[in-house]
Protein backbone atom coordinates (compact mmCIF):
# COMPACT_ATOMS: atom_id res chain seq x y z
CA MET A 1 94.12 109.28 95.10
CA PRO A 2 94.54 105.87 97.27
CA SER A 3 93.08 102.44 96.15
CA LYS A 4 93.07 99.30 97.76
CA ILE A 5 93.06 95.17 96.67
CA HIS A 6 91.76 93.38 99.89
CA THR A 7 91.23 89.36 99.44
CA ASN A 8 91.23 86.65 101.87
CA ILE A 9 90.70 82.81 101.92
CA LEU A 10 90.03 80.32 104.60
CA ILE A 11 92.83 77.64 104.98
CA ASN A 12 92.22 74.36 106.67
CA ALA A 13 95.65 74.51 108.78
CA PRO A 14 97.10 76.42 111.74
CA PRO A 15 98.81 80.20 110.84
CA ASP A 16 102.33 78.33 111.91
CA LYS A 17 101.74 75.92 109.33
CA VAL A 18 100.95 78.46 106.46
CA TRP A 19 103.49 80.96 107.85
CA LYS A 20 106.18 77.99 107.31
CA VAL A 21 104.74 77.79 103.46
CA LEU A 22 104.35 81.42 102.84
CA THR A 23 107.87 82.63 104.37
CA ASP A 24 109.80 79.87 102.27
CA PHE A 25 110.97 82.55 99.62
CA ASN A 26 113.10 79.89 98.33
CA SER A 27 110.19 77.71 97.18
CA TYR A 28 108.19 80.71 95.15
CA PRO A 29 109.54 79.93 91.98
CA ASP A 30 108.05 76.70 92.47
CA TRP A 31 104.21 77.63 93.57
CA ASN A 32 104.00 81.21 93.37
CA PRO A 33 102.28 82.14 90.35
CA PHE A 34 102.00 86.52 91.46
CA ILE A 35 105.32 86.84 93.88
CA ARG A 36 108.01 84.90 91.74
CA SER A 37 110.54 85.82 93.79
CA VAL A 38 111.77 87.62 97.41
CA LYS A 39 115.76 87.81 98.12
CA GLY A 40 117.36 89.71 100.76
CA THR A 41 117.20 89.64 104.51
CA VAL A 42 113.39 89.58 105.53
CA ALA A 43 113.39 91.53 108.56
CA ARG A 44 111.65 94.63 109.92
CA GLY A 45 113.37 97.73 108.37
CA LYS A 46 115.42 95.96 105.95
CA GLN A 47 115.11 96.22 101.74
CA ILE A 48 114.55 93.12 99.90
CA SER A 49 114.17 92.53 96.19
CA VAL A 50 110.56 90.80 94.84
CA LYS A 51 109.99 90.21 91.63
CA LEU A 52 106.26 90.28 90.53
CA THR A 53 104.24 89.11 87.73
CA PRO A 54 100.33 89.57 87.56
CA PRO A 55 98.53 88.04 85.29
CA GLY A 56 98.59 89.46 81.51
CA SER A 57 100.90 91.86 82.74
CA ARG A 58 104.76 92.01 82.28
CA GLY A 59 106.51 91.17 85.16
CA MET A 60 108.64 94.03 87.33
CA THR A 61 110.77 93.93 90.25
CA ILE A 62 110.89 96.01 93.43
CA SER A 63 113.02 96.86 96.05
CA PRO A 64 110.66 97.47 99.01
CA ARG A 65 111.49 97.78 103.08
CA ILE A 66 110.03 95.29 105.74
CA LEU A 67 107.41 97.36 107.98
CA ARG A 68 106.40 94.45 109.95
CA PHE A 69 107.51 91.00 110.19
CA GLU A 70 105.67 89.25 112.81
CA LEU A 71 106.09 85.36 113.14
CA ASN A 72 102.88 83.76 112.19
CA ARG A 73 100.67 86.61 112.11
CA GLU A 74 101.77 89.35 109.58
CA LEU A 75 104.72 90.70 106.81
CA SER A 76 104.13 93.72 105.30
CA TRP A 77 106.30 95.87 102.96
CA LEU A 78 106.26 99.36 101.52
CA GLY A 79 107.48 100.00 97.98
CA HIS A 80 107.68 103.05 95.50
CA LEU A 81 107.92 103.36 91.67
CA ILE A 82 111.09 105.36 91.19
CA ILE A 83 110.49 108.50 94.17
CA PRO A 84 108.06 107.99 96.76
CA GLY A 85 104.67 109.68 96.34
CA LEU A 86 104.62 108.68 92.57
CA PHE A 87 103.10 105.14 92.95
CA ASP A 88 103.46 103.73 96.65
CA GLY A 89 102.06 100.14 97.53
CA GLU A 90 101.75 98.82 101.04
CA HIS A 91 101.48 94.88 100.31
CA THR A 92 100.25 93.00 103.61
CA PHE A 93 100.18 89.29 104.55
CA ARG A 94 98.11 88.90 107.78
CA LEU A 95 97.28 85.60 109.11
CA ASP A 96 94.42 85.39 111.52
CA ASP A 97 94.06 82.24 113.89
CA ASN A 98 90.47 81.13 113.75
CA HIS A 99 91.01 79.06 117.10
CA ASN A 100 89.61 75.98 115.20
CA GLY A 101 92.59 74.73 113.23
CA THR A 102 91.79 77.04 110.42
CA THR A 103 93.54 80.47 109.42
CA THR A 104 92.09 83.56 107.29
CA PHE A 105 94.86 84.41 105.10
CA ILE A 106 94.42 88.35 104.41
CA HIS A 107 96.21 89.43 101.35
CA SER A 108 96.09 93.07 100.80
CA GLU A 109 97.74 96.07 99.47
CA ASN A 110 96.98 100.03 99.70
CA PHE A 111 98.08 101.84 96.71
CA SER A 112 98.85 105.71 97.23
CA GLY A 113 100.78 108.22 94.99
CA LEU A 114 100.26 110.61 91.90
CA LEU A 115 100.13 107.90 89.35
CA VAL A 116 97.41 105.61 90.74
CA PRO A 117 94.49 106.70 88.43
CA LEU A 118 96.79 105.57 85.53
CA PHE A 119 97.34 102.14 87.08
CA ARG A 120 93.81 101.63 88.49
CA LYS A 121 92.42 99.50 85.68
CA MET A 122 95.42 97.14 85.64
CA LEU A 123 95.19 96.90 89.95
CA GLU A 124 91.27 96.30 89.82
CA GLU A 125 92.03 93.89 87.18
CA ASN A 126 95.89 91.65 86.73
CA THR A 127 97.03 92.27 90.07
CA ARG A 128 93.92 91.59 92.03
CA GLU A 129 93.72 88.06 90.06
CA GLY A 130 97.29 87.65 91.06
CA PHE A 131 96.71 88.08 94.46
CA ILE A 132 93.60 85.66 93.94
CA GLN A 133 96.11 82.99 92.28
CA MET A 134 98.67 83.28 95.00
CA ASN A 135 95.79 82.69 97.56
CA ASN A 136 94.36 79.48 96.11
CA LYS A 137 97.93 78.32 95.24
CA LEU A 138 99.10 78.89 99.08
CA LYS A 139 95.63 77.17 100.20
CA GLU A 140 96.04 74.17 97.99
CA LEU A 141 99.83 73.36 99.43
CA VAL A 142 98.92 74.02 102.68
CA GLY A 143 95.84 72.33 103.26
CA ASN A 144 92.15 73.25 101.81
């Protein structure tokens, strides 16, 4: 049973400036309230370690594989809980250039797998709120 979280925010900065902050993973502990750390080589096909802390939830560390890494445009990864098919999440950050000095930051995740119905309430509340908090902090750091 699939589920999706889709958020976006307008940032008053061009994509390259947003990308620079978004992909400065070493600074995540200083500003990112949702994704506390990203470790490993962030490149297509590589596996990384990501520590997530949705509001009102215990933190968890996942080991997703990078699906897309397109400079100034998109970063996405696919993670699994224990084994593929139980609870899978494809997390995406996309930067849409509005060609006027602004960027629409799209932050989304598609969830699928047998356990998705058990986590639906947490996803719709805690996880969505974590996305929104991260989006707002990114906008604050890059330019509002």
